[in-house]
Structure formats: C-alpha cells, structure tokens
C-alpha atoms as a PDB file:
ATOM      1  CA  MET A   1      22.738  17.797  -7.672  1.00  0.00           C
ATOM      2  CA  THR A   2      20.035  15.798  -9.247  1.00  0.00           C
ATOM      3  CA  THR A   3      17.037  14.229  -7.416  1.00  0.00           C
ATOM      4  CA  SER A   4      18.252  10.703  -8.137  1.00  0.00           C
ATOM      5  CA  LYS A   5      21.627  11.569  -6.636  1.00  0.00           C
ATOM      6  CA  ARG A   6      19.986  12.857  -3.494  1.00  0.00           C
ATOM      7  CA  TYR A   7      17.920   9.711  -3.116  1.00  0.00           C
ATOM      8  CA  SER A   8      21.079   7.547  -3.603  1.00  0.00           C
ATOM      9  CA  GLU A   9      23.044   9.573  -1.128  1.00  0.00           C
ATOM     10  CA  ALA A  10      20.292   9.160   1.372  1.00  0.00           C
ATOM     11  CA  GLY A  11      20.309   5.388   1.024  1.00  0.00           C
ATOM     12  CA  GLY A  12      17.583   4.980  -1.601  1.00  0.00           C
ATOM     13  CA  LEU A  13      13.964   6.006  -1.956  1.00  0.00           C
ATOM     14  CA  SER A  14      12.766   4.035   1.140  1.00  0.00           C
ATOM     15  CA  SER A  15      14.955   6.051   3.420  1.00  0.00           C
ATOM     16  CA  CYS A  16      13.481   9.363   2.082  1.00  0.00           C
ATOM     17  CA  ALA A  17       9.947   8.134   2.350  1.00  0.00           C
ATOM     18  CA  PRO A  18       7.614   9.540   5.107  1.00  0.00           C
ATOM     19  CA  ARG A  19       6.746   7.126   7.816  1.00  0.00           C
ATOM     20  CA  ILE A  20       3.119   5.928   7.260  1.00  0.00           C
ATOM     21  CA  ARG A  21       1.947   4.163  10.392  1.00  0.00           C
ATOM     22  CA  ARG A  22      -1.675   3.534   9.426  1.00  0.00           C
ATOM     23  CA  SER A  23      -3.085   3.844   5.944  1.00  0.00           C
ATOM     24  CA  VAL A  24      -6.177   3.027   3.985  1.00  0.00           C
ATOM     25  CA  GLU A  25      -5.531   2.334   0.338  1.00  0.00           C
ATOM     26  CA  SER A  26      -8.365   2.320  -2.171  1.00  0.00           C
ATOM     27  CA  PRO A  27      -8.405   0.861  -4.543  1.00  0.00           C
ATOM     28  CA  GLY A  28      -5.582  -1.313  -3.560  1.00  0.00           C
ATOM     29  CA  ALA A  29      -5.735  -4.669  -5.177  1.00  0.00           C
ATOM     30  CA  GLY A  30      -4.746  -3.746  -8.713  1.00  0.00           C
ATOM     31  CA  PHE A  31      -1.223  -3.586  -9.930  1.00  0.00           C
ATOM     32  CA  ILE A  32      -0.312  -0.099  -8.822  1.00  0.00           C
ATOM     33  CA  GLY A  33      -2.248  -0.298  -5.458  1.00  0.00           C
ATOM     34  CA  SER A  34      -0.889  -3.570  -4.406  1.00  0.00           C
ATOM     35  CA  ASN A  35       2.673  -2.574  -5.105  1.00  0.00           C
ATOM     36  CA  PHE A  36       2.137   0.620  -3.147  1.00  0.00           C
ATOM     37  CA  VAL A  37       0.848  -1.483  -0.242  1.00  0.00           C
ATOM     38  CA  ARG A  38       3.759  -3.707  -0.428  1.00  0.00           C
ATOM     39  CA  TRP A  39       6.208  -0.711  -0.512  1.00  0.00           C
ATOM     40  CA  VAL A  40       4.600   0.821   2.562  1.00  0.00           C
ATOM     41  CA  LEU A  41       4.890  -2.343   4.582  1.00  0.00           C
ATOM     42  CA  GLU A  42       8.401  -3.007   3.399  1.00  0.00           C
ATOM     43  CA  SER A  43       9.429   0.596   4.145  1.00  0.00           C
ATOM     44  CA  ASP A  44       8.219   0.690   7.721  1.00  0.00           C
ATOM     45  CA  PRO A  45       8.026  -2.371   9.920  1.00  0.00           C
ATOM     46  CA  GLY A  46       5.572  -0.563  12.181  1.00  0.00           C
ATOM     47  CA  ALA A  47       3.103   0.347   9.378  1.00  0.00           C
ATOM     48  CA  SER A  48      -0.224  -1.308   8.881  1.00  0.00           C
ATOM     49  CA  VAL A  49      -2.566  -0.940   5.938  1.00  0.00           C
ATOM     50  CA  VAL A  50      -6.221  -1.591   5.247  1.00  0.00           C
ATOM     51  CA  THR A  51      -6.948  -2.053   1.521  1.00  0.00           C
ATOM     52  CA  LEU A  52     -10.452  -1.246   0.383  1.00  0.00           C
ATOM     53  CA  ASP A  53     -11.304  -2.572  -3.106  1.00  0.00           C
ATOM     54  CA  ALA A  54     -14.409  -3.620  -4.979  1.00  0.00           C
ATOM     55  CA  LEU A  55     -12.370  -6.343  -6.809  1.00  0.00           C
ATOM     56  CA  THR A  56     -13.809  -5.395 -10.200  1.00  0.00           C
ATOM     57  CA  TYR A  57     -11.938  -5.669 -13.470  1.00  0.00           C
ATOM     58  CA  ALA A  58      -8.449  -4.699 -12.284  1.00  0.00           C
ATOM     59  CA  GLY A  59      -8.597  -5.617  -8.584  1.00  0.00           C
ATOM     60  CA  ASN A  60      -7.496  -9.104  -7.698  1.00  0.00           C
ATOM     61  CA  ALA A  61      -6.948 -10.381  -4.043  1.00  0.00           C
ATOM     62  CA  GLU A  62      -4.152 -12.519  -5.271  1.00  0.00           C
ATOM     63  CA  ASN A  63      -2.117  -9.379  -5.828  1.00  0.00           C
ATOM     64  CA  LEU A  64      -2.068  -8.911  -1.988  1.00  0.00           C
ATOM     65  CA  GLY A  65      -1.170 -12.600  -1.276  1.00  0.00           C
ATOM     66  CA  GLY A  66       1.514 -13.335   1.205  1.00  0.00           C
ATOM     67  CA  LEU A  67       1.175 -10.152   3.282  1.00  0.00           C
ATOM     68  CA  ASP A  68       1.376 -10.320   6.978  1.00  0.00           C
ATOM     69  CA  PRO A  69      -2.209 -10.568   8.264  1.00  0.00           C
ATOM     70  CA  ASP A  70      -1.161  -8.678  11.472  1.00  0.00           C
ATOM     71  CA  ARG A  71      -0.256  -5.635   9.339  1.00  0.00           C
ATOM     72  CA  HIS A  72      -2.574  -5.842   6.326  1.00  0.00           C
ATOM     73  CA  ARG A  73      -6.268  -6.368   5.918  1.00  0.00           C
ATOM     74  CA  LEU A  74      -8.253  -6.607   2.608  1.00  0.00           C
ATOM     75  CA  VAL A  75     -11.788  -5.212   2.861  1.00  0.00           C
ATOM     76  CA  VAL A  76     -14.036  -6.002  -0.179  1.00  0.00           C
ATOM     77  CA  GLY A  77     -16.128  -3.009  -0.756  1.00  0.00           C
ATOM     78  CA  ASP A  78     -16.824   0.104  -2.747  1.00  0.00           C
ATOM     79  CA  VAL A  79     -15.396   3.544  -1.679  1.00  0.00           C
ATOM     80  CA  THR A  80     -18.569   5.252  -3.046  1.00  0.00           C
ATOM     81  CA  ARG A  81     -20.772   3.293  -0.500  1.00  0.00           C
ATOM     82  CA  PRO A  82     -20.738   4.779   2.958  1.00  0.00           C
ATOM     83  CA  ASP A  83     -21.576   1.469   4.627  1.00  0.00           C
ATOM     84  CA  ASP A  84     -18.439  -0.059   3.058  1.00  0.00           C
ATOM     85  CA  VAL A  85     -16.175   2.682   4.249  1.00  0.00           C
END
C-alpha cells in the first residue's frame, strides 16, 4: 500500500494531520508560511496561530489577509530579537 493510498483511504491529508491547537509560525507571511498557516486553521476549527514575521523581501502581510482575527494574529518582528519574541 502506498502512502498516497493510505492518505486517501483516511479521507485525505487533513484527516491524518496532527491537531495543532496553538502555534507560532515564523516566518509566516511568505508563500510557504502563509499557506501553512491557512492549512492549520482549515484543518482544525479549534486551532489558533500567531505569525511572527519581519516582513522583509519575501514576507507580505497581504498573504495572510482574510484570516479570522479571533484565530490568527500577525506580529511584525524578528525571531532573532528576544524582545520581539
């Protein structure tokens, strides 16, 4: 049995995903990070995510637009700066 067959038999990747209730994603405003944040929020209605991103060359707050403010918060900061974390 292949991995993809197991995922499809289980109802897709989302049903196999671990439940992430609270998460900090950094960086999270780029293409990959923002899609991961959306996936977490769509996979589990009880999940909440804080995205920490410096919004440099790849980060863009618009990538996180439309997310539920009760479940997602964008913090503009740098993970290398203790005061931002």
